[in-house]
């Protein structure tokens, strides 16, 4: 599981017109799965790939 920032740089995740995170392979908006601890886990509902997001 890589970070959202690295995925944005590599092109596997992009932002749409409204600044929402979108999986580039599936063209689906990422969902937030786990809010425990520090940050969130972003998941693509189609392919199941996960990225971590710290804030």
PDB file of N, CA and C in Angstrom:
ATOM      1  N   UNK A   1       0.851  -1.160   0.000  1.00  0.00           N
ATOM      2  CA  UNK A   1       0.000   0.000   0.000  1.00  0.00           C
ATOM      3  C   UNK A   1       0.904   1.234   0.000  1.00  0.00           C
ATOM      4  N   UNK A   2       0.827   2.023  -1.029  1.00  0.00           N
ATOM      5  CA  UNK A   2       1.606   3.253  -1.112  1.00  0.00           C
ATOM      6  C   UNK A   2       0.742   4.439  -0.681  1.00  0.00           C
ATOM      7  N   UNK A   3       1.340   5.601  -0.629  1.00  0.00           N
ATOM      8  CA  UNK A   3       0.602   6.779  -0.204  1.00  0.00           C
ATOM      9  C   UNK A   3      -0.136   7.409  -1.389  1.00  0.00           C
ATOM     10  N   UNK A   4      -1.117   8.214  -1.083  1.00  0.00           N
ATOM     11  CA  UNK A   4      -1.906   8.902  -2.107  1.00  0.00           C
ATOM     12  C   UNK A   4      -1.004   9.881  -2.873  1.00  0.00           C
ATOM     13  N   UNK A   5      -0.092  10.528  -2.180  1.00  0.00           N
ATOM     14  CA  UNK A   5       0.806  11.488  -2.828  1.00  0.00           C
ATOM     15  C   UNK A   5       1.679  10.804  -3.879  1.00  0.00           C
ATOM     16  N   UNK A   6       2.236   9.640  -3.545  1.00  0.00           N
ATOM     17  CA  UNK A   6       3.049   8.894  -4.513  1.00  0.00           C
ATOM     18  C   UNK A   6       2.201   8.409  -5.684  1.00  0.00           C
ATOM     19  N   UNK A   7       0.967   8.012  -5.403  1.00  0.00           N
ATOM     20  CA  UNK A   7       0.075   7.543  -6.468  1.00  0.00           C
ATOM     21  C   UNK A   7      -0.313   8.682  -7.405  1.00  0.00           C
ATOM     22  N   UNK A   8      -0.485   9.888  -6.873  1.00  0.00           N
ATOM     23  CA  UNK A   8      -0.779  11.041  -7.726  1.00  0.00           C
ATOM     24  C   UNK A   8       0.401  11.350  -8.637  1.00  0.00           C
ATOM     25  N   UNK A   9       1.614  11.250  -8.102  1.00  0.00           N
ATOM     26  CA  UNK A   9       2.818  11.514  -8.908  1.00  0.00           C
ATOM     27  C   UNK A   9       3.022  10.474  -9.995  1.00  0.00           C
ATOM     28  N   UNK A  10       2.736   9.200  -9.676  1.00  0.00           N
ATOM     29  CA  UNK A  10       2.965   8.130 -10.653  1.00  0.00           C
ATOM     30  C   UNK A  10       1.832   8.007 -11.668  1.00  0.00           C
ATOM     31  N   UNK A  11       0.662   8.584 -11.354  1.00  0.00           N
ATOM     32  CA  UNK A  11      -0.437   8.557 -12.306  1.00  0.00           C
ATOM     33  C   UNK A  11      -1.453   7.460 -12.080  1.00  0.00           C
ATOM     34  N   UNK A  12      -1.338   6.685 -10.999  1.00  0.00           N
ATOM     35  CA  UNK A  12      -2.332   5.645 -10.738  1.00  0.00           C
ATOM     36  C   UNK A  12      -3.593   6.213 -10.100  1.00  0.00           C
ATOM     37  N   UNK A  13      -3.471   7.395  -9.489  1.00  0.00           N
ATOM     38  CA  UNK A  13      -4.612   8.116  -8.922  1.00  0.00           C
ATOM     39  C   UNK A  13      -4.569   9.532  -9.475  1.00  0.00           C
ATOM     40  N   UNK A  14      -5.733  10.084  -9.761  1.00  0.00           N
ATOM     41  CA  UNK A  14      -5.796  11.466 -10.247  1.00  0.00           C
ATOM     42  C   UNK A  14      -6.928  12.178  -9.539  1.00  0.00           C
ATOM     43  N   UNK A  15      -6.983  13.483  -9.706  1.00  0.00           N
ATOM     44  CA  UNK A  15      -8.079  14.272  -9.140  1.00  0.00           C
ATOM     45  C   UNK A  15      -8.997  14.698 -10.269  1.00  0.00           C
ATOM     46  N   UNK A  16     -10.307  14.635 -10.009  1.00  0.00           N
ATOM     47  CA  UNK A  16     -11.262  15.049 -11.029  1.00  0.00           C
ATOM     48  C   UNK A  16     -11.513  16.550 -10.931  1.00  0.00           C
ATOM     49  N   UNK A  17     -12.501  17.036 -11.632  1.00  0.00           N
ATOM     50  CA  UNK A  17     -12.815  18.464 -11.693  1.00  0.00           C
ATOM     51  C   UNK A  17     -13.105  19.050 -10.318  1.00  0.00           C
ATOM     52  N   UNK A  18     -13.695  18.249  -9.437  1.00  0.00           N
ATOM     53  CA  UNK A  18     -14.083  18.718  -8.111  1.00  0.00           C
ATOM     54  C   UNK A  18     -13.058  18.346  -7.042  1.00  0.00           C
ATOM     55  N   UNK A  19     -11.827  18.005  -7.451  1.00  0.00           N
ATOM     56  CA  UNK A  19     -10.715  17.667  -6.554  1.00  0.00           C
ATOM     57  C   UNK A  19     -10.947  16.373  -5.769  1.00  0.00           C
ATOM     58  N   UNK A  20     -11.797  15.467  -6.278  1.00  0.00           N
ATOM     59  CA  UNK A  20     -11.985  14.168  -5.652  1.00  0.00           C
ATOM     60  C   UNK A  20     -10.946  13.208  -6.205  1.00  0.00           C
ATOM     61  N   UNK A  21     -10.489  12.273  -5.377  1.00  0.00           N
ATOM     62  CA  UNK A  21      -9.516  11.284  -5.810  1.00  0.00           C
ATOM     63  C   UNK A  21     -10.213  10.193  -6.619  1.00  0.00           C
ATOM     64  N   UNK A  22      -9.621   9.860  -7.779  1.00  0.00           N
ATOM     65  CA  UNK A  22     -10.208   8.889  -8.703  1.00  0.00           C
ATOM     66  C   UNK A  22      -9.139   7.890  -9.107  1.00  0.00           C
ATOM     67  N   UNK A  23      -9.480   6.593  -9.119  1.00  0.00           N
ATOM     68  CA  UNK A  23      -8.581   5.551  -9.620  1.00  0.00           C
ATOM     69  C   UNK A  23      -8.463   5.723 -11.136  1.00  0.00           C
ATOM     70  N   UNK A  24      -7.244   5.807 -11.639  1.00  0.00           N
ATOM     71  CA  UNK A  24      -7.055   6.068 -13.061  1.00  0.00           C
ATOM     72  C   UNK A  24      -7.404   4.848 -13.916  1.00  0.00           C
ATOM     73  N   UNK A  25      -7.240   3.640 -13.381  1.00  0.00           N
ATOM     74  CA  UNK A  25      -7.550   2.427 -14.145  1.00  0.00           C
ATOM     75  C   UNK A  25      -9.056   2.205 -14.274  1.00  0.00           C
ATOM     76  N   UNK A  26      -9.803   2.417 -13.196  1.00  0.00           N
ATOM     77  CA  UNK A  26     -11.242   2.110 -13.167  1.00  0.00           C
ATOM     78  C   UNK A  26     -12.136   3.324 -13.391  1.00  0.00           C
ATOM     79  N   UNK A  27     -11.580   4.524 -13.277  1.00  0.00           N
ATOM     80  CA  UNK A  27     -12.346   5.773 -13.357  1.00  0.00           C
ATOM     81  C   UNK A  27     -13.450   5.825 -12.305  1.00  0.00           C
ATOM     82  N   UNK A  28     -13.171   5.301 -11.109  1.00  0.00           N
ATOM     83  CA  UNK A  28     -14.133   5.325  -9.998  1.00  0.00           C
ATOM     84  C   UNK A  28     -13.565   6.160  -8.865  1.00  0.00           C
ATOM     85  N   UNK A  29     -14.432   6.873  -8.170  1.00  0.00           N
ATOM     86  CA  UNK A  29     -14.032   7.689  -7.036  1.00  0.00           C
ATOM     87  C   UNK A  29     -13.605   6.786  -5.884  1.00  0.00           C
ATOM     88  N   UNK A  30     -12.516   7.144  -5.208  1.00  0.00           N
ATOM     89  CA  UNK A  30     -12.023   6.359  -4.085  1.00  0.00           C
ATOM     90  C   UNK A  30     -12.905   6.579  -2.864  1.00  0.00           C
ATOM     91  N   UNK A  31     -13.086   5.517  -2.090  1.00  0.00           N
ATOM     92  CA  UNK A  31     -13.866   5.598  -0.866  1.00  0.00           C
ATOM     93  C   UNK A  31     -12.924   5.563   0.332  1.00  0.00           C
ATOM     94  N   UNK A  32     -13.387   6.059   1.460  1.00  0.00           N
ATOM     95  CA  UNK A  32     -12.622   6.036   2.692  1.00  0.00           C
ATOM     96  C   UNK A  32     -13.070   4.842   3.507  1.00  0.00           C
ATOM     97  N   UNK A  33     -12.111   3.976   3.863  1.00  0.00           N
ATOM     98  CA  UNK A  33     -12.486   2.753   4.546  1.00  0.00           C
ATOM     99  C   UNK A  33     -12.206   2.792   6.047  1.00  0.00           C
ATOM    100  N   UNK A  34     -11.051   3.270   6.468  1.00  0.00           N
ATOM    101  CA  UNK A  34     -10.672   3.179   7.869  1.00  0.00           C
ATOM    102  C   UNK A  34     -10.206   4.532   8.377  1.00  0.00           C
ATOM    103  N   UNK A  35     -10.787   5.022   9.437  1.00  0.00           N
ATOM    104  CA  UNK A  35     -10.385   6.310   9.978  1.00  0.00           C
ATOM    105  C   UNK A  35      -9.659   6.155  11.310  1.00  0.00           C
ATOM    106  N   UNK A  36      -9.293   4.968  11.703  1.00  0.00           N
ATOM    107  CA  UNK A  36      -8.600   4.747  12.964  1.00  0.00           C
ATOM    108  C   UNK A  36      -7.148   5.191  12.886  1.00  0.00           C
ATOM    109  N   UNK A  37      -6.629   5.694  13.984  1.00  0.00           N
ATOM    110  CA  UNK A  37      -5.235   6.121  14.013  1.00  0.00           C
ATOM    111  C   UNK A  37      -5.034   7.456  13.329  1.00  0.00           C
ATOM    112  N   UNK A  38      -3.872   7.595  12.723  1.00  0.00           N
ATOM    113  CA  UNK A  38      -3.515   8.835  12.036  1.00  0.00           C
ATOM    114  C   UNK A  38      -3.761   8.655  10.549  1.00  0.00           C
ATOM    115  N   UNK A  39      -4.693   9.383   9.997  1.00  0.00           N
ATOM    116  CA  UNK A  39      -4.943   9.341   8.561  1.00  0.00           C
ATOM    117  C   UNK A  39      -6.082   8.423   8.170  1.00  0.00           C
ATOM    118  N   UNK A  40      -6.180   8.197   6.852  1.00  0.00           N
ATOM    119  CA  UNK A  40      -7.271   7.423   6.276  1.00  0.00           C
ATOM    120  C   UNK A  40      -6.713   6.393   5.320  1.00  0.00           C
ATOM    121  N   UNK A  41      -7.536   5.402   4.982  1.00  0.00           N
ATOM    122  CA  UNK A  41      -7.212   4.420   3.956  1.00  0.00           C
ATOM    123  C   UNK A  41      -8.176   4.645   2.802  1.00  0.00           C
ATOM    124  N   UNK A  42      -7.655   4.972   1.622  1.00  0.00           N
ATOM    125  CA  UNK A  42      -8.476   5.209   0.433  1.00  0.00           C
ATOM    126  C   UNK A  42      -8.484   3.937  -0.405  1.00  0.00           C
ATOM    127  N   UNK A  43      -9.682   3.520  -0.846  1.00  0.00           N
ATOM    128  CA  UNK A  43      -9.860   2.247  -1.539  1.00  0.00           C
ATOM    129  C   UNK A  43     -10.665   2.459  -2.804  1.00  0.00           C
ATOM    130  N   UNK A  44     -10.263   1.795  -3.887  1.00  0.00           N
ATOM    131  CA  UNK A  44     -11.054   1.776  -5.116  1.00  0.00           C
ATOM    132  C   UNK A  44     -12.098   0.670  -4.989  1.00  0.00           C
ATOM    133  N   UNK A  45     -13.386   0.978  -5.144  1.00  0.00           N
ATOM    134  CA  UNK A  45     -14.426  -0.046  -4.979  1.00  0.00           C
ATOM    135  C   UNK A  45     -14.409  -1.126  -6.061  1.00  0.00           C
ATOM    136  N   UNK A  46     -13.852  -0.860  -7.235  1.00  0.00           N
ATOM    137  CA  UNK A  46     -13.839  -1.856  -8.310  1.00  0.00           C
ATOM    138  C   UNK A  46     -12.660  -2.816  -8.204  1.00  0.00           C
ATOM    139  N   UNK A  47     -11.439  -2.273  -8.211  1.00  0.00           N
ATOM    140  CA  UNK A  47     -10.257  -3.141  -8.243  1.00  0.00           C
ATOM    141  C   UNK A  47      -9.733  -3.493  -6.854  1.00  0.00           C
ATOM    142  N   UNK A  48     -10.143  -2.761  -5.812  1.00  0.00           N
ATOM    143  CA  UNK A  48      -9.756  -3.098  -4.451  1.00  0.00           C
ATOM    144  C   UNK A  48      -8.381  -2.602  -4.026  1.00  0.00           C
ATOM    145  N   UNK A  49      -7.697  -1.848  -4.875  1.00  0.00           N
ATOM    146  CA  UNK A  49      -6.386  -1.323  -4.492  1.00  0.00           C
ATOM    147  C   UNK A  49      -6.546  -0.273  -3.412  1.00  0.00           C
ATOM    148  N   UNK A  50      -5.536  -0.177  -2.527  1.00  0.00           N
ATOM    149  CA  UNK A  50      -5.610   0.730  -1.390  1.00  0.00           C
ATOM    150  C   UNK A  50      -4.429   1.673  -1.365  1.00  0.00           C
ATOM    151  N   UNK A  51      -4.671   2.877  -0.874  1.00  0.00           N
ATOM    152  CA  UNK A  51      -3.643   3.881  -0.674  1.00  0.00           C
ATOM    153  C   UNK A  51      -3.861   4.508   0.676  1.00  0.00           C
ATOM    154  N   UNK A  52      -2.781   4.873   1.356  1.00  0.00           N
ATOM    155  CA  UNK A  52      -2.926   5.538   2.655  1.00  0.00           C
ATOM    156  C   UNK A  52      -2.784   7.044   2.478  1.00  0.00           C
ATOM    157  N   UNK A  53      -3.546   7.767   3.282  1.00  0.00           N
ATOM    158  CA  UNK A  53      -3.529   9.220   3.227  1.00  0.00           C
ATOM    159  C   UNK A  53      -3.363   9.745   4.642  1.00  0.00           C
ATOM    160  N   UNK A  54      -2.306  10.488   4.867  1.00  0.00           N
ATOM    161  CA  UNK A  54      -2.032  11.068   6.175  1.00  0.00           C
ATOM    162  C   UNK A  54      -2.464  12.509   6.208  1.00  0.00           C
ATOM    163  N   UNK A  55      -3.046  12.914   7.318  1.00  0.00           N
ATOM    164  CA  UNK A  55      -3.417  14.318   7.515  1.00  0.00           C
ATOM    165  C   UNK A  55      -3.347  14.655   8.943  1.00  0.00           C
TER     166      UNK A  55
END
